[in-house]
């Protein structure tokens, strides 16, 4: 997938901001999950 083309398409449709929000949320969730799995206590310090 051409990321640059994809961003341009989404921006033209007015969904670029939404796409970035979803991407940022998923990335944060993955980081939280990784920290949770690696943590001995099993507690998530960054819960939305």
C-alpha atoms as a PDB file:
ATOM      1  CA  UNK A   1       0.000   0.000   0.000  1.00  0.00           C
ATOM      2  CA  UNK A   2       1.253   3.433  -0.926  1.00  0.00           C
ATOM      3  CA  UNK A   3       1.086   5.327   2.367  1.00  0.00           C
ATOM      4  CA  UNK A   4       1.432   8.747   0.756  1.00  0.00           C
ATOM      5  CA  UNK A   5      -1.387   8.051  -1.698  1.00  0.00           C
ATOM      6  CA  UNK A   6      -3.525   6.591   1.083  1.00  0.00           C
ATOM      7  CA  UNK A   7      -3.097   9.709   3.222  1.00  0.00           C
ATOM      8  CA  UNK A   8      -4.007  11.950   0.287  1.00  0.00           C
ATOM      9  CA  UNK A   9      -7.167   9.947  -0.397  1.00  0.00           C
ATOM     10  CA  UNK A  10      -8.254  10.086   3.234  1.00  0.00           C
ATOM     11  CA  UNK A  11      -7.513  13.790   3.505  1.00  0.00           C
ATOM     12  CA  UNK A  12      -9.588  14.531   0.411  1.00  0.00           C
ATOM     13  CA  UNK A  13     -12.470  12.612   1.952  1.00  0.00           C
ATOM     14  CA  UNK A  14     -12.127  14.495   5.227  1.00  0.00           C
ATOM     15  CA  UNK A  15     -11.184  11.362   7.145  1.00  0.00           C
ATOM     16  CA  UNK A  16      -7.454  11.984   7.503  1.00  0.00           C
ATOM     17  CA  UNK A  17      -7.768  13.208  11.096  1.00  0.00           C
ATOM     18  CA  UNK A  18      -9.960  10.239  12.010  1.00  0.00           C
ATOM     19  CA  UNK A  19      -7.448   7.856  10.430  1.00  0.00           C
ATOM     20  CA  UNK A  20      -4.619   9.363  12.480  1.00  0.00           C
ATOM     21  CA  UNK A  21      -6.678   9.155  15.671  1.00  0.00           C
ATOM     22  CA  UNK A  22      -7.431   5.483  15.086  1.00  0.00           C
ATOM     23  CA  UNK A  23      -3.789   4.724  14.256  1.00  0.00           C
ATOM     24  CA  UNK A  24      -2.538   6.553  17.354  1.00  0.00           C
ATOM     25  CA  UNK A  25      -5.090   4.770  19.560  1.00  0.00           C
ATOM     26  CA  UNK A  26      -4.171   1.334  18.191  1.00  0.00           C
ATOM     27  CA  UNK A  27      -0.451   2.040  18.613  1.00  0.00           C
ATOM     28  CA  UNK A  28      -0.979   3.178  22.210  1.00  0.00           C
ATOM     29  CA  UNK A  29      -3.107   0.095  22.895  1.00  0.00           C
ATOM     30  CA  UNK A  30      -0.419  -2.207  21.495  1.00  0.00           C
ATOM     31  CA  UNK A  31       2.238  -0.524  23.642  1.00  0.00           C
ATOM     32  CA  UNK A  32       0.021  -0.898  26.711  1.00  0.00           C
ATOM     33  CA  UNK A  33      -0.569  -4.570  25.932  1.00  0.00           C
ATOM     34  CA  UNK A  34       3.159  -5.185  25.456  1.00  0.00           C
ATOM     35  CA  UNK A  35       3.914  -3.492  28.780  1.00  0.00           C
ATOM     36  CA  UNK A  36       1.147  -5.528  30.435  1.00  0.00           C
ATOM     37  CA  UNK A  37       2.534  -8.823  29.137  1.00  0.00           C
ATOM     38  CA  UNK A  38       6.087  -7.919  30.174  1.00  0.00           C
ATOM     39  CA  UNK A  39       5.055  -6.603  33.588  1.00  0.00           C
ATOM     40  CA  UNK A  40       5.306  -8.830  36.660  1.00  0.00           C
ATOM     41  CA  UNK A  41       2.398  -7.107  38.394  1.00  0.00           C
ATOM     42  CA  UNK A  42       0.186  -7.189  35.322  1.00  0.00           C
ATOM     43  CA  UNK A  43      -1.140  -3.674  35.893  1.00  0.00           C
ATOM     44  CA  UNK A  44      -1.688  -1.172  33.114  1.00  0.00           C
ATOM     45  CA  UNK A  45      -0.593   2.299  34.236  1.00  0.00           C
ATOM     46  CA  UNK A  46      -1.884   3.974  31.078  1.00  0.00           C
ATOM     47  CA  UNK A  47      -5.559   3.143  30.685  1.00  0.00           C
ATOM     48  CA  UNK A  48      -7.732   5.445  28.647  1.00  0.00           C
END
